[in-house]
Amino acid sequence: MKKYYLLLLCTTFAYSQKESPLKETVYYSIEEALEVKSPKQLNLRDQNLFYVAPEIQKLQSLEYINLMRNHLHEIDDSILTLSKLKALEINQNAITAIPKGIEKLRKIEYINLASNKINLIPESIAKLKKLKQLQISVNALSYIPDALTHCKSLEILELNSNQLSYLPSNFNKLKKIKNLQLGYNQFNELDREWFQFKELEVLNLEYNQLKTFNVDLSNLKKLKTLLLNDNKIESLPDEIITLTNLELLLVANNDLQKLPQNIQTLKKLKTLIATGNNFDKEEQQRIINALPNCKVYF
């Protein structure tokens, strides 16, 4: 089981990581980049930086910047002048706020702000119409503004390990979402209308306080991975059998005694992890018999 959990973590991690977006030369200092014509990639990760030198604004051709693992407390104004920027990695710093001026990055497609100290997403984020991936896990967010639902190009949204207990009522406007990470938050219940995402493939709700999973599943036909482990769920809805593309179902460490009848409908299910529940031997055997092509763990 340990090996499987490690594999699951690696798979989830790989799904969300941003590959180097360009095949251009990477420069490792502002000074180095200033010596060439039209540099596109700048990697300043792990350089013990407390601020970004203002000379960076001279590099108007930049499309990708990596500032991971420094000591930055803010996103410098000079970065916000880089109008061609498509990808910004500034995770694992000490940033306390996303500046309103983030709206200036109109071409940005990818932002990684994970593992900072951010407690607010500004309304101006609504202007980022090309944003496809936002990673803001491991921060201090207690709510998500309606403005985020205007980022309609979003495909990957990572909000794990915050302090969220609800989502905007119009959250389902994010029609292109494929991967939604909401694990390690404070959700006690879910609005049935939140997750009407026809393109969604991964939904992570692990480590919350859910007692029920009362989601409208009729719009989740492409869902492949559903993580509900480490909640307080007592039963799964019968509608779960309509998730005919589901490959991984993780419901470990809940209060389940049974799974829905006709679970055999999930013919693409490859792995079911249901350890730490209250299934009796008879129910375990029923599930195993119903899913002969699925690895089942009790």
Protein backbone atom coordinates (compact mmCIF):
# COMPACT_ATOMS: atom_id res chain seq x y z
CA MET A 1 0.00 0.00 0.00
CA LYS A 2 2.81 2.43 0.78
CA LYS A 3 4.18 1.94 -2.72
CA TYR A 4 0.77 2.67 -4.19
CA TYR A 5 0.29 5.87 -2.20
CA LEU A 6 3.73 7.05 -3.34
CA LEU A 7 2.77 6.31 -6.95
CA LEU A 8 -0.47 8.22 -6.50
CA LEU A 9 1.35 11.23 -5.09
CA CYS A 10 3.88 11.20 -7.93
CA THR A 11 1.13 10.95 -10.52
CA THR A 12 -0.82 13.85 -9.04
CA PHE A 13 2.39 15.89 -8.72
CA ALA A 14 3.38 15.24 -12.32
CA TYR A 15 -0.08 16.15 -13.58
CA SER A 16 0.20 19.63 -12.06
CA GLN A 17 3.80 20.49 -12.76
CA LYS A 18 4.69 22.98 -15.44
CA GLU A 19 7.24 21.79 -17.92
CA SER A 20 9.62 24.42 -19.24
CA PRO A 21 7.26 26.20 -21.63
CA LEU A 22 9.91 27.14 -24.16
CA LYS A 23 12.87 25.56 -25.91
CA GLU A 24 14.78 28.82 -25.69
CA THR A 25 18.02 29.29 -23.75
CA VAL A 26 17.59 29.64 -19.99
CA TYR A 27 19.49 32.46 -18.24
CA TYR A 28 20.39 32.32 -14.55
CA SER A 29 20.89 35.99 -13.76
CA ILE A 30 19.43 39.30 -14.87
CA GLU A 31 22.89 40.50 -15.83
CA GLU A 32 23.42 37.49 -18.08
CA ALA A 33 20.04 37.96 -19.74
CA LEU A 34 20.69 41.65 -20.37
CA GLU A 35 23.68 40.75 -22.53
CA VAL A 36 21.61 38.99 -25.20
CA LYS A 37 18.85 40.00 -27.55
CA SER A 38 15.28 39.09 -26.59
CA PRO A 39 15.83 36.49 -23.81
CA LYS A 40 12.69 34.53 -23.06
CA GLN A 41 13.53 32.37 -20.00
CA LEU A 42 14.97 33.50 -16.68
CA ASN A 43 15.62 31.08 -13.83
CA LEU A 44 16.40 32.71 -10.46
CA ARG A 45 15.31 29.87 -8.21
CA ASP A 46 17.26 29.06 -5.01
CA GLN A 47 19.35 32.26 -5.13
CA ASN A 48 18.51 33.59 -1.63
CA LEU A 49 16.86 36.67 -3.11
CA PHE A 50 15.00 39.09 -0.84
CA TYR A 51 13.91 41.26 -3.77
CA VAL A 52 14.08 41.24 -7.56
CA ALA A 53 16.43 43.81 -9.04
CA PRO A 54 14.45 46.54 -10.86
CA GLU A 55 16.62 46.00 -13.95
CA ILE A 56 14.40 43.02 -14.73
CA GLN A 57 11.90 45.42 -16.31
CA LYS A 58 14.41 45.96 -19.11
CA LEU A 59 13.81 42.34 -20.15
CA GLN A 60 10.51 42.97 -21.89
CA SER A 61 10.85 39.86 -24.06
CA LEU A 62 10.65 37.49 -21.07
CA GLU A 63 7.93 34.85 -21.23
CA TYR A 64 8.99 32.60 -18.34
CA ILE A 65 10.41 33.44 -14.89
CA ASN A 66 11.24 31.01 -12.09
CA LEU A 67 11.68 32.58 -8.63
CA MET A 68 11.02 29.44 -6.61
CA ARG A 69 12.52 29.06 -3.10
CA ASN A 70 13.79 32.53 -2.36
CA HIS A 71 12.86 34.96 0.44
CA LEU A 72 10.49 37.21 -1.44
CA HIS A 73 7.71 38.95 0.52
CA GLU A 74 5.98 40.47 -2.47
CA ILE A 75 5.65 40.29 -6.24
CA ASP A 76 7.75 43.24 -7.31
CA ASP A 77 6.17 45.94 -9.47
CA SER A 78 8.99 45.49 -11.97
CA ILE A 79 7.74 41.96 -12.72
CA LEU A 80 4.28 43.32 -13.43
CA THR A 81 5.68 45.43 -16.27
CA LEU A 82 6.63 42.30 -18.27
CA SER A 83 3.69 42.32 -20.63
CA LYS A 84 4.77 39.21 -22.58
CA LEU A 85 5.07 36.98 -19.52
CA LYS A 86 3.28 33.64 -19.92
CA ALA A 87 4.55 31.68 -16.90
CA LEU A 88 5.54 32.78 -13.40
CA GLU A 89 6.81 30.40 -10.74
CA ILE A 90 7.15 32.16 -7.41
CA ASN A 91 6.24 29.31 -5.07
CA GLN A 92 7.93 28.58 -1.73
CA ASN A 93 8.63 32.17 -0.77
CA ALA A 94 7.04 34.37 1.91
CA ILE A 95 4.58 36.33 -0.23
CA THR A 96 1.64 37.68 1.77
CA ALA A 97 -0.51 39.13 -1.02
CA ILE A 98 -1.19 38.99 -4.74
CA PRO A 99 -0.96 42.60 -5.94
CA LYS A 100 -3.90 44.24 -7.70
CA GLY A 101 -1.45 44.95 -10.52
CA ILE A 102 -1.43 41.25 -11.44
CA GLU A 103 -4.05 42.30 -14.01
CA LYS A 104 -1.24 43.79 -16.11
CA LEU A 105 0.00 40.30 -17.00
CA ARG A 106 -2.65 39.87 -19.68
CA LYS A 107 -0.77 37.06 -21.48
CA ILE A 108 -0.08 34.98 -18.39
CA GLU A 109 -1.15 31.32 -18.69
CA TYR A 110 0.50 29.74 -15.66
CA ILE A 111 1.06 31.05 -12.11
CA ASN A 112 2.52 29.00 -9.28
CA LEU A 113 2.11 30.68 -5.88
CA ALA A 114 2.07 27.52 -3.75
CA SER A 115 3.61 27.53 -0.28
CA ASN A 116 3.45 31.22 0.52
CA LYS A 117 1.40 33.20 3.07
CA ILE A 118 -1.35 34.56 0.84
CA ASN A 119 -4.75 35.14 2.43
CA LEU A 120 -6.52 37.00 -0.37
CA ILE A 121 -7.03 36.74 -4.13
CA PRO A 122 -7.67 40.23 -5.58
CA GLU A 123 -10.68 41.07 -7.73
CA SER A 124 -8.28 42.11 -10.50
CA ILE A 125 -7.50 38.45 -11.21
CA ALA A 126 -10.69 38.49 -13.29
CA LYS A 127 -8.70 40.25 -16.03
CA LEU A 128 -6.44 37.23 -16.62
CA LYS A 129 -8.49 35.75 -19.44
CA LYS A 130 -5.68 33.49 -20.70
CA LEU A 131 -4.82 31.94 -17.33
CA LYS A 132 -4.91 28.13 -17.67
CA GLN A 133 -3.23 26.97 -14.48
CA LEU A 134 -3.23 28.51 -11.00
CA GLN A 135 -1.42 26.78 -8.16
CA ILE A 136 -2.08 28.43 -4.82
CA SER A 137 -2.00 25.46 -2.45
CA VAL A 138 -0.46 25.71 1.03
CA ASN A 139 -1.44 29.30 1.75
CA ALA A 140 -3.95 30.97 4.11
CA LEU A 141 -7.02 31.48 1.90
CA SER A 142 -10.36 31.42 3.71
CA TYR A 143 -12.50 32.24 0.68
CA ILE A 144 -12.38 32.41 -3.12
CA PRO A 145 -13.72 35.61 -4.74
CA ASP A 146 -16.30 35.55 -7.52
CA ALA A 147 -13.65 37.26 -9.65
CA LEU A 148 -11.79 33.99 -10.08
CA THR A 149 -14.75 32.52 -11.94
CA HIS A 150 -14.08 35.05 -14.73
CA CYS A 151 -10.78 33.26 -15.52
CA LYS A 152 -12.64 31.03 -17.94
CA SER A 153 -9.54 29.51 -19.53
CA LEU A 154 -8.60 27.79 -16.25
CA GLU A 155 -7.93 24.07 -16.67
CA ILE A 156 -5.99 23.32 -13.48
CA LEU A 157 -6.83 24.95 -10.15
CA GLU A 158 -4.92 23.85 -7.06
CA LEU A 159 -6.27 25.07 -3.72
CA ASN A 160 -5.11 22.29 -1.41
CA SER A 161 -4.09 23.09 2.17
CA ASN A 162 -5.89 26.36 2.76
CA GLN A 163 -8.78 27.25 5.08
CA LEU A 164 -11.65 27.03 2.62
CA SER A 165 -15.14 25.98 3.70
CA TYR A 166 -17.19 27.21 0.74
CA LEU A 167 -16.87 28.27 -2.90
CA PRO A 168 -18.56 31.04 -4.91
CA SER A 169 -22.12 30.26 -5.93
CA ASN A 170 -21.15 30.66 -9.59
CA PHE A 171 -18.05 28.48 -9.32
CA ASN A 172 -19.44 26.24 -12.06
CA LYS A 173 -18.68 28.97 -14.63
CA LEU A 174 -15.15 27.54 -14.89
CA LYS A 175 -16.25 25.31 -17.75
CA LYS A 176 -12.76 24.24 -18.88
CA ILE A 177 -11.58 22.88 -15.53
CA LYS A 178 -9.91 19.46 -15.83
CA ASN A 179 -8.10 19.16 -12.51
CA LEU A 180 -9.53 20.62 -9.29
CA GLN A 181 -7.60 20.21 -6.05
CA LEU A 182 -9.51 21.06 -2.84
CA GLY A 183 -7.91 18.66 -0.37
CA TYR A 184 -6.85 19.58 3.16
CA ASN A 185 -9.41 22.34 3.67
CA GLN A 186 -12.42 22.88 5.97
CA PHE A 187 -15.37 21.77 3.84
CA ASN A 188 -18.23 20.38 5.94
CA GLU A 189 -20.68 20.23 3.07
CA LEU A 190 -20.82 20.81 -0.67
CA ASP A 191 -23.25 22.76 -2.81
CA ARG A 192 -24.79 20.37 -5.31
CA GLU A 193 -24.28 22.89 -8.13
CA TRP A 194 -20.57 23.66 -7.58
CA PHE A 195 -19.04 20.93 -9.72
CA GLN A 196 -20.92 21.04 -13.03
CA PHE A 197 -17.75 20.56 -15.05
CA LYS A 198 -18.09 18.50 -18.20
CA GLU A 199 -14.30 18.47 -18.78
CA LEU A 200 -13.29 17.56 -15.21
CA GLU A 201 -10.95 14.56 -14.98
CA VAL A 202 -9.54 14.89 -11.44
CA LEU A 203 -11.45 15.95 -8.32
CA ASN A 204 -9.61 15.95 -5.00
CA LEU A 205 -11.60 16.49 -1.78
CA GLU A 206 -9.42 14.47 0.59
CA TYR A 207 -8.88 15.49 4.21
CA ASN A 208 -11.96 17.66 4.74
CA GLN A 209 -14.90 17.25 7.12
CA LEU A 210 -17.50 15.92 4.68
CA LYS A 211 -20.25 13.65 5.96
CA THR A 212 -21.96 13.37 2.58
CA PHE A 213 -20.94 13.62 -1.06
CA ASN A 214 -24.10 15.22 -2.42
CA VAL A 215 -22.71 16.42 -5.75
CA ASP A 216 -24.59 16.54 -9.05
CA LEU A 217 -22.63 13.85 -10.87
CA SER A 218 -24.53 14.06 -14.14
CA ASN A 219 -22.03 16.57 -15.55
CA LEU A 220 -18.88 14.70 -14.54
CA LYS A 221 -18.84 12.16 -17.34
CA LYS A 222 -15.09 12.57 -17.98
CA LEU A 223 -14.04 12.14 -14.36
CA LYS A 224 -11.18 9.65 -14.02
CA THR A 225 -9.90 10.26 -10.49
CA LEU A 226 -12.01 10.93 -7.40
CA LEU A 227 -10.29 11.38 -4.04
CA LEU A 228 -12.63 11.40 -1.03
CA ASN A 229 -10.38 9.80 1.54
CA ASP A 230 -10.06 10.99 5.14
CA ASN A 231 -13.46 12.58 5.55
CA LYS A 232 -16.50 11.41 7.57
CA ILE A 233 -18.60 10.15 4.68
CA GLU A 234 -21.23 7.59 5.68
CA SER A 235 -22.54 6.73 2.22
CA LEU A 236 -21.90 7.41 -1.46
CA PRO A 237 -24.77 8.42 -3.77
CA ASP A 238 -26.13 5.79 -6.14
CA GLU A 239 -25.38 8.23 -8.98
CA ILE A 240 -21.68 7.45 -8.62
CA ILE A 241 -22.22 4.51 -10.97
CA THR A 242 -22.82 7.04 -13.77
CA LEU A 243 -19.10 7.97 -13.66
CA THR A 244 -18.34 5.44 -16.33
CA ASN A 245 -14.83 6.78 -17.07
CA LEU A 246 -13.71 6.57 -13.45
CA GLU A 247 -10.36 4.80 -13.07
CA LEU A 248 -9.35 5.60 -9.49
CA LEU A 249 -11.68 5.89 -6.49
CA LEU A 250 -10.09 6.62 -3.12
CA VAL A 251 -12.52 6.53 -0.16
CA ALA A 252 -10.19 5.35 2.60
CA ASN A 253 -10.72 6.44 6.19
CA ASN A 254 -14.40 7.33 6.12
CA ASP A 255 -17.48 5.77 7.82
CA LEU A 256 -18.73 3.67 4.91
CA GLN A 257 -20.49 0.37 5.47
CA LYS A 258 -21.58 -0.25 1.89
CA LEU A 259 -20.95 0.93 -1.64
CA PRO A 260 -23.84 1.56 -4.06
CA GLN A 261 -25.51 -1.37 -5.73
CA ASN A 262 -24.59 -1.91 -9.38
CA ILE A 263 -21.03 -0.80 -8.66
CA GLN A 264 -20.10 -3.20 -11.46
CA THR A 265 -21.21 -0.45 -13.87
CA LEU A 266 -17.82 1.20 -13.28
CA LYS A 267 -16.12 -1.02 -15.83
CA LYS A 268 -13.07 1.27 -16.27
CA LEU A 269 -12.31 1.38 -12.56
CA LYS A 270 -8.75 0.13 -12.08
CA THR A 271 -8.14 0.89 -8.41
CA LEU A 272 -10.45 1.18 -5.42
CA ILE A 273 -8.87 2.03 -2.06
CA ALA A 274 -11.40 1.67 0.75
CA THR A 275 -9.26 0.89 3.79
CA GLY A 276 -10.27 2.29 7.17
CA ASN A 277 -14.05 1.94 6.76
CA ASN A 278 -16.71 -0.34 8.27
CA PHE A 279 -17.34 -2.90 5.52
CA ASP A 280 -18.22 -6.37 6.76
CA LYS A 281 -16.77 -9.45 5.06
CA GLU A 282 -19.91 -10.05 3.02
CA GLU A 283 -19.88 -6.53 1.58
CA GLN A 284 -16.17 -6.73 0.84
CA GLN A 285 -16.68 -9.93 -1.13
CA ARG A 286 -19.65 -8.45 -3.02
CA ILE A 287 -17.53 -5.51 -4.13
CA ILE A 288 -14.60 -7.72 -5.14
CA ASN A 289 -16.90 -9.94 -7.20
CA ALA A 290 -18.54 -6.92 -8.83
CA LEU A 291 -15.18 -5.46 -9.90
CA PRO A 292 -13.11 -8.37 -11.23
CA ASN A 293 -10.74 -6.13 -13.22
CA CYS A 294 -10.13 -3.67 -10.41
CA LYS A 295 -7.51 -3.77 -7.64
CA VAL A 296 -9.51 -3.43 -4.44
CA TYR A 297 -7.97 -2.61 -1.05
CA PHE A 298 -9.86 -2.99 2.26
